[in-house]
Amino acid sequence: MLTEAASPPAWWALIFTLVADATLFTSLVFGLLFLWISAPNWPPTSVPDTDLRLALATMAVLGVATLFARVALRRLVGEGAPQIWIALAALALLAVIAAVVVLITGILPHPTAHALGAIAAALLTFVAIHAGIGVLFLLTATLRLASGYASPRRAIDLRLSRLWIDYTAITGVLAIGLMLALPALVTMLGLRP
């Protein structure tokens, strides 16, 4: 009977990867504040206007994806069938990617026209890429289940998937929330120090 360690090397590798990735995310957020100080033509002539309903729906779907990933892990550990929950989590992440693409196409000022649009597009692209990686984590977990390498005693694939999706949801909500706050930030930060 094969089991796994409570904290195998893959778990710690992902933890350290997420710490490094959080540094990248923080750098993107810092980039917005830095551009306030150094970007030419600040504030921009057009104030960012994000589709509020789509942005809020995207944040909600990120939360739903985390819920489905958690239920999938609980089902596997409880010796149930997690496949439907894995599929639902993957569909939720694919919906996030589609919504983010729509949000990116609606960014004003255009990403090539002003630095504010560029940093907004970079933040949203960050969310889409991480949602895509989450889908790959779930696909890997599905393949490992199908080949018999995952079981209630060897649930590392779904644990890693859940951790990645949780991180994606947190950074995604922060990034989209910042996008929604951009009009107020542009107005508030319009005057440079």
N, C-alpha and C. Protein backbone atom coordinates (compact mmCIF):
# COMPACT_ATOMS: atom_id res chain seq x y z
N MET A 1 0.84 -1.17 0.00
CA MET A 1 0.00 0.00 0.00
C MET A 1 0.90 1.25 0.00
N LEU A 2 0.84 2.00 -1.07
CA LEU A 2 1.66 3.19 -1.18
C LEU A 2 0.91 4.40 -0.65
N THR A 3 1.64 5.21 0.10
CA THR A 3 1.08 6.47 0.59
C THR A 3 2.08 7.56 0.27
N GLU A 4 1.74 8.78 0.63
CA GLU A 4 2.66 9.89 0.40
C GLU A 4 2.95 10.58 1.71
N ALA A 5 4.04 11.31 1.73
CA ALA A 5 4.40 12.10 2.91
C ALA A 5 3.42 13.26 3.05
N ALA A 6 3.30 13.77 4.26
CA ALA A 6 2.39 14.89 4.50
C ALA A 6 2.80 16.13 3.70
N SER A 7 4.09 16.36 3.60
CA SER A 7 4.60 17.51 2.84
C SER A 7 5.69 17.05 1.89
N PRO A 8 5.32 16.44 0.76
CA PRO A 8 6.33 15.95 -0.17
C PRO A 8 7.07 17.11 -0.85
N PRO A 9 8.18 16.81 -1.50
CA PRO A 9 8.96 17.87 -2.16
C PRO A 9 8.14 18.69 -3.16
N ALA A 10 7.21 18.07 -3.86
CA ALA A 10 6.39 18.83 -4.82
C ALA A 10 5.59 19.93 -4.13
N TRP A 11 5.11 19.65 -2.93
CA TRP A 11 4.35 20.64 -2.17
C TRP A 11 5.22 21.85 -1.85
N TRP A 12 6.42 21.58 -1.33
CA TRP A 12 7.33 22.67 -0.97
C TRP A 12 7.82 23.41 -2.22
N ALA A 13 8.03 22.69 -3.31
CA ALA A 13 8.44 23.35 -4.55
C ALA A 13 7.37 24.34 -5.00
N LEU A 14 6.10 23.95 -4.91
CA LEU A 14 5.03 24.86 -5.31
C LEU A 14 4.92 26.03 -4.34
N ILE A 15 5.11 25.80 -3.06
CA ILE A 15 5.08 26.90 -2.09
C ILE A 15 6.14 27.94 -2.45
N PHE A 16 7.37 27.49 -2.71
CA PHE A 16 8.44 28.43 -3.05
C PHE A 16 8.19 29.11 -4.39
N THR A 17 7.60 28.38 -5.33
CA THR A 17 7.25 28.97 -6.62
C THR A 17 6.22 30.07 -6.43
N LEU A 18 5.23 29.83 -5.58
CA LEU A 18 4.20 30.83 -5.34
C LEU A 18 4.76 32.05 -4.62
N VAL A 19 5.72 31.86 -3.75
CA VAL A 19 6.36 33.01 -3.09
C VAL A 19 7.08 33.86 -4.13
N ALA A 20 7.81 33.20 -5.03
CA ALA A 20 8.49 33.95 -6.10
C ALA A 20 7.48 34.62 -7.02
N ASP A 21 6.40 33.91 -7.33
CA ASP A 21 5.38 34.47 -8.20
C ASP A 21 4.68 35.65 -7.55
N ALA A 22 4.48 35.59 -6.24
CA ALA A 22 3.87 36.71 -5.52
C ALA A 22 4.75 37.95 -5.61
N THR A 23 6.06 37.75 -5.70
CA THR A 23 6.98 38.88 -5.89
C THR A 23 6.74 39.53 -7.24
N LEU A 24 6.52 38.72 -8.27
CA LEU A 24 6.20 39.25 -9.59
C LEU A 24 4.89 40.03 -9.55
N PHE A 25 3.88 39.46 -8.91
CA PHE A 25 2.58 40.14 -8.81
C PHE A 25 2.72 41.48 -8.08
N THR A 26 3.46 41.47 -6.99
CA THR A 26 3.69 42.71 -6.24
C THR A 26 4.42 43.73 -7.10
N SER A 27 5.34 43.27 -7.93
CA SER A 27 6.05 44.18 -8.83
C SER A 27 5.11 44.82 -9.84
N LEU A 28 4.14 44.05 -10.33
CA LEU A 28 3.17 44.62 -11.26
C LEU A 28 2.32 45.70 -10.58
N VAL A 29 1.90 45.42 -9.35
CA VAL A 29 1.11 46.41 -8.61
C VAL A 29 1.97 47.64 -8.32
N PHE A 30 3.21 47.42 -7.93
CA PHE A 30 4.12 48.54 -7.70
C PHE A 30 4.33 49.34 -8.98
N GLY A 31 4.33 48.66 -10.12
CA GLY A 31 4.51 49.34 -11.41
C GLY A 31 3.46 50.41 -11.63
N LEU A 32 2.25 50.14 -11.21
CA LEU A 32 1.19 51.14 -11.35
C LEU A 32 1.52 52.39 -10.54
N LEU A 33 1.96 52.20 -9.32
CA LEU A 33 2.30 53.35 -8.48
C LEU A 33 3.55 54.08 -9.00
N PHE A 34 4.49 53.32 -9.52
CA PHE A 34 5.69 53.93 -10.07
C PHE A 34 5.35 54.77 -11.31
N LEU A 35 4.44 54.25 -12.13
CA LEU A 35 4.06 55.00 -13.33
C LEU A 35 3.38 56.31 -12.98
N TRP A 36 2.68 56.34 -11.87
CA TRP A 36 2.06 57.58 -11.40
C TRP A 36 3.13 58.65 -11.22
N ILE A 37 4.31 58.23 -10.77
CA ILE A 37 5.39 59.18 -10.53
C ILE A 37 6.15 59.51 -11.81
N SER A 38 6.33 58.52 -12.70
CA SER A 38 7.26 58.73 -13.81
C SER A 38 6.66 58.74 -15.21
N ALA A 39 5.41 58.32 -15.39
CA ALA A 39 4.86 58.22 -16.75
C ALA A 39 4.58 59.59 -17.33
N PRO A 40 4.93 59.78 -18.60
CA PRO A 40 4.58 61.06 -19.24
C PRO A 40 3.07 61.14 -19.45
N ASN A 41 2.56 62.34 -19.54
CA ASN A 41 1.13 62.58 -19.77
C ASN A 41 0.26 61.98 -18.67
N TRP A 42 0.65 62.20 -17.44
CA TRP A 42 -0.16 61.72 -16.32
C TRP A 42 -0.95 62.87 -15.75
N PRO A 43 -2.19 62.71 -15.43
CA PRO A 43 -3.03 61.54 -15.61
C PRO A 43 -3.40 61.36 -17.08
N PRO A 44 -3.81 60.16 -17.47
CA PRO A 44 -4.16 59.93 -18.87
C PRO A 44 -5.42 60.72 -19.25
N THR A 45 -5.55 60.98 -20.54
CA THR A 45 -6.71 61.75 -21.00
C THR A 45 -8.01 60.98 -20.83
N SER A 46 -7.98 59.66 -20.96
CA SER A 46 -9.18 58.87 -20.73
C SER A 46 -9.00 58.05 -19.46
N VAL A 47 -10.00 58.09 -18.61
CA VAL A 47 -9.95 57.38 -17.35
C VAL A 47 -10.39 55.93 -17.59
N PRO A 48 -9.69 54.96 -17.02
CA PRO A 48 -10.06 53.56 -17.23
C PRO A 48 -11.50 53.31 -16.81
N ASP A 49 -12.20 52.54 -17.61
CA ASP A 49 -13.58 52.19 -17.32
C ASP A 49 -13.76 50.71 -17.59
N THR A 50 -13.73 49.92 -16.52
CA THR A 50 -13.86 48.47 -16.64
C THR A 50 -15.34 48.09 -16.54
N ASP A 51 -15.74 47.08 -17.31
CA ASP A 51 -17.10 46.57 -17.25
C ASP A 51 -17.31 45.98 -15.85
N LEU A 52 -18.06 46.68 -15.01
CA LEU A 52 -18.24 46.31 -13.61
C LEU A 52 -18.87 44.93 -13.47
N ARG A 53 -19.93 44.66 -14.21
CA ARG A 53 -20.60 43.37 -14.07
C ARG A 53 -19.71 42.21 -14.47
N LEU A 54 -18.99 42.37 -15.57
CA LEU A 54 -18.09 41.30 -16.02
C LEU A 54 -16.95 41.11 -15.02
N ALA A 55 -16.41 42.20 -14.50
CA ALA A 55 -15.32 42.10 -13.54
C ALA A 55 -15.78 41.39 -12.26
N LEU A 56 -16.93 41.77 -11.75
CA LEU A 56 -17.46 41.12 -10.54
C LEU A 56 -17.80 39.66 -10.80
N ALA A 57 -18.36 39.37 -11.97
CA ALA A 57 -18.65 37.97 -12.31
C ALA A 57 -17.37 37.16 -12.40
N THR A 58 -16.32 37.74 -12.94
CA THR A 58 -15.04 37.04 -13.05
C THR A 58 -14.48 36.74 -11.67
N MET A 59 -14.59 37.70 -10.75
CA MET A 59 -14.12 37.45 -9.39
C MET A 59 -14.95 36.34 -8.73
N ALA A 60 -16.25 36.33 -8.97
CA ALA A 60 -17.11 35.29 -8.40
C ALA A 60 -16.76 33.92 -8.97
N VAL A 61 -16.49 33.86 -10.27
CA VAL A 61 -16.14 32.58 -10.89
C VAL A 61 -14.80 32.07 -10.36
N LEU A 62 -13.88 32.97 -10.06
CA LEU A 62 -12.63 32.54 -9.42
C LEU A 62 -12.92 31.87 -8.08
N GLY A 63 -13.84 32.45 -7.32
CA GLY A 63 -14.23 31.84 -6.06
C GLY A 63 -14.89 30.48 -6.25
N VAL A 64 -15.72 30.37 -7.28
CA VAL A 64 -16.38 29.09 -7.58
C VAL A 64 -15.34 28.04 -7.96
N ALA A 65 -14.33 28.43 -8.72
CA ALA A 65 -13.27 27.48 -9.10
C ALA A 65 -12.55 26.95 -7.87
N THR A 66 -12.29 27.83 -6.89
CA THR A 66 -11.64 27.34 -5.66
C THR A 66 -12.55 26.38 -4.91
N LEU A 67 -13.82 26.68 -4.89
CA LEU A 67 -14.78 25.80 -4.22
C LEU A 67 -14.80 24.42 -4.88
N PHE A 68 -14.87 24.39 -6.21
CA PHE A 68 -14.90 23.11 -6.92
C PHE A 68 -13.60 22.32 -6.71
N ALA A 69 -12.47 23.01 -6.69
CA ALA A 69 -11.19 22.32 -6.46
C ALA A 69 -11.15 21.72 -5.05
N ARG A 70 -11.68 22.43 -4.09
CA ARG A 70 -11.71 21.92 -2.71
C ARG A 70 -12.65 20.72 -2.59
N VAL A 71 -13.79 20.80 -3.24
CA VAL A 71 -14.73 19.68 -3.21
C VAL A 71 -14.10 18.46 -3.89
N ALA A 72 -13.40 18.66 -4.99
CA ALA A 72 -12.74 17.55 -5.68
C ALA A 72 -11.75 16.86 -4.76
N LEU A 73 -10.95 17.65 -4.03
CA LEU A 73 -9.97 17.07 -3.11
C LEU A 73 -10.68 16.31 -1.99
N ARG A 74 -11.74 16.88 -1.44
CA ARG A 74 -12.48 16.20 -0.38
C ARG A 74 -13.10 14.90 -0.88
N ARG A 75 -13.59 14.93 -2.10
CA ARG A 75 -14.19 13.70 -2.68
C ARG A 75 -13.12 12.61 -2.82
N LEU A 76 -11.95 12.99 -3.30
CA LEU A 76 -10.89 12.00 -3.47
C LEU A 76 -10.45 11.44 -2.13
N VAL A 77 -10.23 12.30 -1.16
CA VAL A 77 -9.78 11.84 0.16
C VAL A 77 -10.87 11.00 0.83
N GLY A 78 -12.12 11.33 0.58
CA GLY A 78 -13.23 10.56 1.12
C GLY A 78 -13.57 9.33 0.30
N GLU A 79 -12.69 8.96 -0.61
CA GLU A 79 -12.83 7.80 -1.49
C GLU A 79 -14.04 7.91 -2.42
N GLY A 80 -14.33 9.13 -2.82
CA GLY A 80 -15.39 9.36 -3.80
C GLY A 80 -14.79 9.62 -5.18
N ALA A 81 -15.63 9.97 -6.11
CA ALA A 81 -15.19 10.25 -7.47
C ALA A 81 -15.09 11.77 -7.66
N PRO A 82 -13.88 12.31 -7.81
CA PRO A 82 -13.72 13.76 -7.92
C PRO A 82 -13.79 14.28 -9.36
N GLN A 83 -13.92 13.43 -10.35
CA GLN A 83 -13.78 13.84 -11.75
C GLN A 83 -14.75 14.96 -12.14
N ILE A 84 -16.01 14.88 -11.73
CA ILE A 84 -16.96 15.90 -12.12
C ILE A 84 -16.58 17.25 -11.52
N TRP A 85 -16.08 17.24 -10.30
CA TRP A 85 -15.68 18.48 -9.64
C TRP A 85 -14.42 19.06 -10.27
N ILE A 86 -13.53 18.19 -10.70
CA ILE A 86 -12.34 18.65 -11.42
C ILE A 86 -12.76 19.30 -12.73
N ALA A 87 -13.68 18.66 -13.44
CA ALA A 87 -14.16 19.22 -14.71
C ALA A 87 -14.84 20.57 -14.49
N LEU A 88 -15.64 20.69 -13.44
CA LEU A 88 -16.31 21.96 -13.16
C LEU A 88 -15.31 23.05 -12.80
N ALA A 89 -14.28 22.71 -12.04
CA ALA A 89 -13.23 23.69 -11.71
C ALA A 89 -12.51 24.13 -12.97
N ALA A 90 -12.20 23.19 -13.85
CA ALA A 90 -11.52 23.53 -15.11
C ALA A 90 -12.41 24.43 -15.97
N LEU A 91 -13.70 24.12 -16.05
CA LEU A 91 -14.61 24.98 -16.82
C LEU A 91 -14.69 26.38 -16.23
N ALA A 92 -14.69 26.47 -14.91
CA ALA A 92 -14.71 27.79 -14.27
C ALA A 92 -13.45 28.58 -14.62
N LEU A 93 -12.31 27.92 -14.61
CA LEU A 93 -11.06 28.61 -14.96
C LEU A 93 -11.04 29.02 -16.43
N LEU A 94 -11.59 28.19 -17.30
CA LEU A 94 -11.68 28.55 -18.71
C LEU A 94 -12.60 29.76 -18.90
N ALA A 95 -13.67 29.82 -18.11
CA ALA A 95 -14.56 30.99 -18.16
C ALA A 95 -13.84 32.24 -17.68
N VAL A 96 -12.98 32.10 -16.69
CA VAL A 96 -12.18 33.24 -16.22
C VAL A 96 -11.27 33.73 -17.34
N ILE A 97 -10.63 32.81 -18.04
CA ILE A 97 -9.74 33.21 -19.14
C ILE A 97 -10.53 33.98 -20.20
N ALA A 98 -11.69 33.46 -20.57
CA ALA A 98 -12.51 34.14 -21.58
C ALA A 98 -12.93 35.53 -21.11
N ALA A 99 -13.34 35.63 -19.86
CA ALA A 99 -13.77 36.93 -19.32
C ALA A 99 -12.61 37.92 -19.27
N VAL A 100 -11.44 37.44 -18.91
CA VAL A 100 -10.27 38.32 -18.84
C VAL A 100 -9.89 38.82 -20.23
N VAL A 101 -10.00 37.96 -21.22
CA VAL A 101 -9.71 38.39 -22.60
C VAL A 101 -10.67 39.52 -23.00
N VAL A 102 -11.94 39.37 -22.65
CA VAL A 102 -12.91 40.43 -22.95
C VAL A 102 -12.56 41.71 -22.19
N LEU A 103 -12.16 41.56 -20.92
CA LEU A 103 -11.77 42.75 -20.14
C LEU A 103 -10.55 43.44 -20.74
N ILE A 104 -9.59 42.65 -21.20
CA ILE A 104 -8.38 43.23 -21.79
C ILE A 104 -8.72 44.00 -23.07
N THR A 105 -9.60 43.46 -23.88
CA THR A 105 -9.94 44.15 -25.14
C THR A 105 -10.66 45.46 -24.89
N GLY A 106 -11.26 45.61 -23.71
CA GLY A 106 -11.98 46.85 -23.42
C GLY A 106 -11.19 47.86 -22.62
N ILE A 107 -9.90 47.62 -22.43
CA ILE A 107 -9.10 48.54 -21.61
C ILE A 107 -8.94 49.89 -22.30
N LEU A 108 -9.21 50.93 -21.55
CA LEU A 108 -8.95 52.31 -21.98
C LEU A 108 -8.14 52.98 -20.89
N PRO A 109 -7.13 53.72 -21.18
CA PRO A 109 -6.56 53.92 -22.50
C PRO A 109 -5.95 52.62 -23.03
N HIS A 110 -5.89 52.52 -24.35
CA HIS A 110 -5.38 51.32 -25.00
C HIS A 110 -3.97 51.02 -24.48
N PRO A 111 -3.64 49.72 -24.29
CA PRO A 111 -2.33 49.36 -23.75
C PRO A 111 -1.14 49.91 -24.54
N THR A 112 -1.31 50.18 -25.83
CA THR A 112 -0.20 50.74 -26.59
C THR A 112 -0.20 52.27 -26.59
N ALA A 113 -1.26 52.87 -26.04
CA ALA A 113 -1.38 54.33 -26.07
C ALA A 113 -0.90 55.01 -24.80
N HIS A 114 -0.99 54.31 -23.67
CA HIS A 114 -0.60 54.93 -22.41
C HIS A 114 -0.11 53.86 -21.45
N ALA A 115 0.79 54.22 -20.56
CA ALA A 115 1.36 53.27 -19.60
C ALA A 115 0.30 52.68 -18.68
N LEU A 116 -0.73 53.45 -18.35
CA LEU A 116 -1.78 52.94 -17.48
C LEU A 116 -2.51 51.76 -18.12
N GLY A 117 -2.81 51.87 -19.40
CA GLY A 117 -3.44 50.76 -20.11
C GLY A 117 -2.53 49.55 -20.18
N ALA A 118 -1.23 49.79 -20.33
CA ALA A 118 -0.27 48.68 -20.41
C ALA A 118 -0.20 47.92 -19.10
N ILE A 119 -0.15 48.64 -17.98
CA ILE A 119 -0.05 47.95 -16.69
C ILE A 119 -1.36 47.24 -16.37
N ALA A 120 -2.49 47.82 -16.76
CA ALA A 120 -3.78 47.16 -16.56
C ALA A 120 -3.84 45.86 -17.38
N ALA A 121 -3.38 45.91 -18.61
CA ALA A 121 -3.36 44.71 -19.45
C ALA A 121 -2.41 43.66 -18.87
N ALA A 122 -1.29 44.09 -18.33
CA ALA A 122 -0.34 43.15 -17.74
C ALA A 122 -0.94 42.46 -16.52
N LEU A 123 -1.64 43.20 -15.69
CA LEU A 123 -2.28 42.60 -14.51
C LEU A 123 -3.34 41.57 -14.92
N LEU A 124 -4.15 41.92 -15.91
CA LEU A 124 -5.18 40.98 -16.36
C LEU A 124 -4.58 39.77 -17.06
N THR A 125 -3.51 39.98 -17.81
CA THR A 125 -2.82 38.85 -18.46
C THR A 125 -2.26 37.91 -17.41
N PHE A 126 -1.76 38.46 -16.32
CA PHE A 126 -1.27 37.66 -15.19
C PHE A 126 -2.37 36.71 -14.71
N VAL A 127 -3.58 37.24 -14.56
CA VAL A 127 -4.71 36.42 -14.10
C VAL A 127 -5.02 35.32 -15.12
N ALA A 128 -5.07 35.67 -16.39
CA ALA A 128 -5.40 34.68 -17.43
C ALA A 128 -4.35 33.57 -17.50
N ILE A 129 -3.10 33.93 -17.42
CA ILE A 129 -2.03 32.92 -17.48
C ILE A 129 -2.14 31.97 -16.29
N HIS A 130 -2.39 32.52 -15.12
CA HIS A 130 -2.48 31.67 -13.93
C HIS A 130 -3.72 30.78 -13.96
N ALA A 131 -4.81 31.28 -14.51
CA ALA A 131 -5.99 30.43 -14.67
C ALA A 131 -5.68 29.30 -15.65
N GLY A 132 -4.95 29.60 -16.72
CA GLY A 132 -4.56 28.56 -17.68
C GLY A 132 -3.67 27.51 -17.05
N ILE A 133 -2.74 27.93 -16.22
CA ILE A 133 -1.89 26.97 -15.52
C ILE A 133 -2.73 26.13 -14.56
N GLY A 134 -3.74 26.73 -13.95
CA GLY A 134 -4.64 25.97 -13.09
C GLY A 134 -5.36 24.87 -13.86
N VAL A 135 -5.76 25.17 -15.09
CA VAL A 135 -6.39 24.14 -15.93
C VAL A 135 -5.40 23.00 -16.19
N LEU A 136 -4.15 23.35 -16.43
CA LEU A 136 -3.13 22.31 -16.64
C LEU A 136 -2.92 21.46 -15.38
N PHE A 137 -2.93 22.09 -14.21
CA PHE A 137 -2.84 21.33 -12.96
C PHE A 137 -4.00 20.33 -12.86
N LEU A 138 -5.19 20.79 -13.18
CA LEU A 138 -6.37 19.92 -13.10
C LEU A 138 -6.30 18.79 -14.14
N LEU A 139 -5.80 19.11 -15.32
CA LEU A 139 -5.63 18.07 -16.34
C LEU A 139 -4.64 17.01 -15.87
N THR A 140 -3.55 17.44 -15.28
CA THR A 140 -2.57 16.50 -14.74
C THR A 140 -3.20 15.62 -13.67
N ALA A 141 -3.98 16.23 -12.78
CA ALA A 141 -4.64 15.45 -11.73
C ALA A 141 -5.59 14.42 -12.34
N THR A 142 -6.31 14.81 -13.38
CA THR A 142 -7.23 13.89 -14.04
C THR A 142 -6.47 12.72 -14.66
N LEU A 143 -5.38 13.01 -15.33
CA LEU A 143 -4.58 11.95 -15.95
C LEU A 143 -3.98 11.02 -14.90
N ARG A 144 -3.54 11.58 -13.78
CA ARG A 144 -2.99 10.75 -12.71
C ARG A 144 -4.07 9.86 -12.08
N LEU A 145 -5.28 10.41 -11.96
CA LEU A 145 -6.40 9.60 -11.46
C LEU A 145 -6.70 8.45 -12.41
N ALA A 146 -6.74 8.75 -13.70
CA ALA A 146 -7.07 7.74 -14.71
C ALA A 146 -6.02 6.63 -14.77
N SER A 147 -4.76 6.98 -14.49
CA SER A 147 -3.71 5.97 -14.56
C SER A 147 -3.49 5.25 -13.23
N GLY A 148 -4.24 5.64 -12.20
CA GLY A 148 -4.13 4.96 -10.92
C GLY A 148 -3.05 5.49 -9.99
N TYR A 149 -2.43 6.60 -10.35
CA TYR A 149 -1.38 7.17 -9.50
C TYR A 149 -1.92 8.08 -8.40
N ALA A 150 -3.19 8.40 -8.45
CA ALA A 150 -3.81 9.20 -7.40
C ALA A 150 -4.86 8.37 -6.70
N SER A 151 -4.94 8.54 -5.40
CA SER A 151 -5.89 7.79 -4.59
C SER A 151 -6.12 8.57 -3.31
N PRO A 152 -7.01 8.11 -2.45
CA PRO A 152 -7.21 8.82 -1.19
C PRO A 152 -5.92 8.96 -0.37
N ARG A 153 -5.01 8.02 -0.53
CA ARG A 153 -3.73 8.10 0.21
C ARG A 153 -2.65 8.86 -0.57
N ARG A 154 -2.90 9.11 -1.84
CA ARG A 154 -1.94 9.84 -2.68
C ARG A 154 -2.69 10.94 -3.42
N ALA A 155 -2.98 11.99 -2.72
CA ALA A 155 -3.81 13.07 -3.27
C ALA A 155 -3.00 14.32 -3.59
N ILE A 156 -1.70 14.17 -3.75
CA ILE A 156 -0.85 15.36 -3.94
C ILE A 156 -1.23 16.15 -5.18
N ASP A 157 -1.65 15.48 -6.24
CA ASP A 157 -1.98 16.21 -7.47
C ASP A 157 -3.15 17.16 -7.24
N LEU A 158 -4.16 16.71 -6.55
CA LEU A 158 -5.29 17.60 -6.28
C LEU A 158 -4.94 18.63 -5.19
N ARG A 159 -4.06 18.27 -4.28
CA ARG A 159 -3.61 19.26 -3.28
C ARG A 159 -2.86 20.40 -3.96
N LEU A 160 -2.00 20.06 -4.91
CA LEU A 160 -1.26 21.07 -5.65
C LEU A 160 -2.21 21.92 -6.50
N SER A 161 -3.17 21.27 -7.13
CA SER A 161 -4.15 21.99 -7.94
C SER A 161 -4.93 22.97 -7.08
N ARG A 162 -5.37 22.51 -5.93
CA ARG A 162 -6.14 23.38 -5.04
C ARG A 162 -5.30 24.57 -4.58
N LEU A 163 -4.05 24.33 -4.22
CA LEU A 163 -3.18 25.42 -3.78
C LEU A 163 -2.99 26.44 -4.89
N TRP A 164 -2.73 25.97 -6.11
CA TRP A 164 -2.53 26.88 -7.24
C TRP A 164 -3.79 27.69 -7.52
N ILE A 165 -4.93 27.03 -7.50
CA ILE A 165 -6.19 27.72 -7.80
C ILE A 165 -6.53 28.72 -6.69
N ASP A 166 -6.24 28.37 -5.44
CA ASP A 166 -6.44 29.33 -4.35
C ASP A 166 -5.59 30.59 -4.57
N TYR A 167 -4.33 30.38 -4.92
CA TYR A 167 -3.43 31.51 -5.17
C TYR A 167 -3.93 32.34 -6.37
N THR A 168 -4.36 31.66 -7.41
CA THR A 168 -4.88 32.35 -8.59
C THR A 168 -6.10 33.19 -8.23
N ALA A 169 -6.97 32.64 -7.40
CA ALA A 169 -8.18 33.37 -7.01
C ALA A 169 -7.81 34.62 -6.19
N ILE A 170 -6.88 34.47 -5.26
CA ILE A 170 -6.50 35.62 -4.43
C ILE A 170 -5.87 36.72 -5.28
N THR A 171 -4.89 36.36 -6.10
CA THR A 171 -4.24 37.38 -6.92
C THR A 171 -5.19 37.91 -7.99
N GLY A 172 -6.07 37.05 -8.49
CA GLY A 172 -7.04 37.48 -9.50
C GLY A 172 -8.02 38.49 -8.95
N VAL A 173 -8.53 38.23 -7.76
CA VAL A 173 -9.46 39.18 -7.13
C VAL A 173 -8.74 40.50 -6.85
N LEU A 174 -7.49 40.43 -6.39
CA LEU A 174 -6.73 41.67 -6.15
C LEU A 174 -6.50 42.44 -7.45
N ALA A 175 -6.12 41.74 -8.51
CA ALA A 175 -5.84 42.40 -9.78
C ALA A 175 -7.10 43.02 -10.37
N ILE A 176 -8.19 42.28 -10.37
CA ILE A 176 -9.43 42.81 -10.94
C ILE A 176 -9.98 43.92 -10.05
N GLY A 177 -9.84 43.75 -8.73
CA GLY A 177 -10.25 44.83 -7.82
C GLY A 177 -9.46 46.10 -8.07
N LEU A 178 -8.17 45.97 -8.35
CA LEU A 178 -7.35 47.13 -8.68
C LEU A 178 -7.80 47.76 -9.99
N MET A 179 -8.19 46.92 -10.94
CA MET A 179 -8.72 47.45 -12.21
C MET A 179 -9.98 48.27 -11.95
N LEU A 180 -10.84 47.77 -11.06
CA LEU A 180 -12.06 48.51 -10.75
C LEU A 180 -11.77 49.80 -10.00
N ALA A 181 -10.68 49.81 -9.25
CA ALA A 181 -10.32 50.99 -8.47
C ALA A 181 -9.52 52.01 -9.28
N LEU A 182 -9.08 51.64 -10.49
CA LEU A 182 -8.23 52.54 -11.27
C LEU A 182 -8.84 53.93 -11.51
N PRO A 183 -10.12 54.05 -11.85
CA PRO A 183 -10.65 55.41 -12.06
C PRO A 183 -10.49 56.29 -10.82
N ALA A 184 -10.77 55.72 -9.65
CA ALA A 184 -10.62 56.49 -8.42
C ALA A 184 -9.14 56.78 -8.15
N LEU A 185 -8.27 55.81 -8.44
CA LEU A 185 -6.84 56.04 -8.23
C LEU A 185 -6.30 57.11 -9.16
N VAL A 186 -6.74 57.09 -10.41
CA VAL A 186 -6.27 58.10 -11.36
C VAL A 186 -6.69 59.48 -10.89
N THR A 187 -7.92 59.61 -10.42
CA THR A 187 -8.38 60.90 -9.93
C THR A 187 -7.64 61.29 -8.66
N MET A 188 -7.52 60.34 -7.73
CA MET A 188 -6.88 60.63 -6.44
C MET A 188 -5.39 60.89 -6.62
N LEU A 189 -4.76 60.12 -7.48
CA LEU A 189 -3.31 60.25 -7.66
C LEU A 189 -2.95 61.16 -8.84
N GLY A 190 -3.94 61.87 -9.35
CA GLY A 190 -3.69 62.71 -10.52
C GLY A 190 -2.61 63.76 -10.30
N LEU A 191 -2.57 64.30 -9.13
CA LEU A 191 -1.54 65.28 -8.82
C LEU A 191 -0.32 64.55 -8.32
N ARG A 192 0.79 64.81 -8.93
CA ARG A 192 2.02 64.12 -8.52
C ARG A 192 2.58 64.74 -7.26
N PRO A 193 3.36 63.95 -6.51
CA PRO A 193 3.95 64.49 -5.29
C PRO A 193 4.97 65.56 -5.60
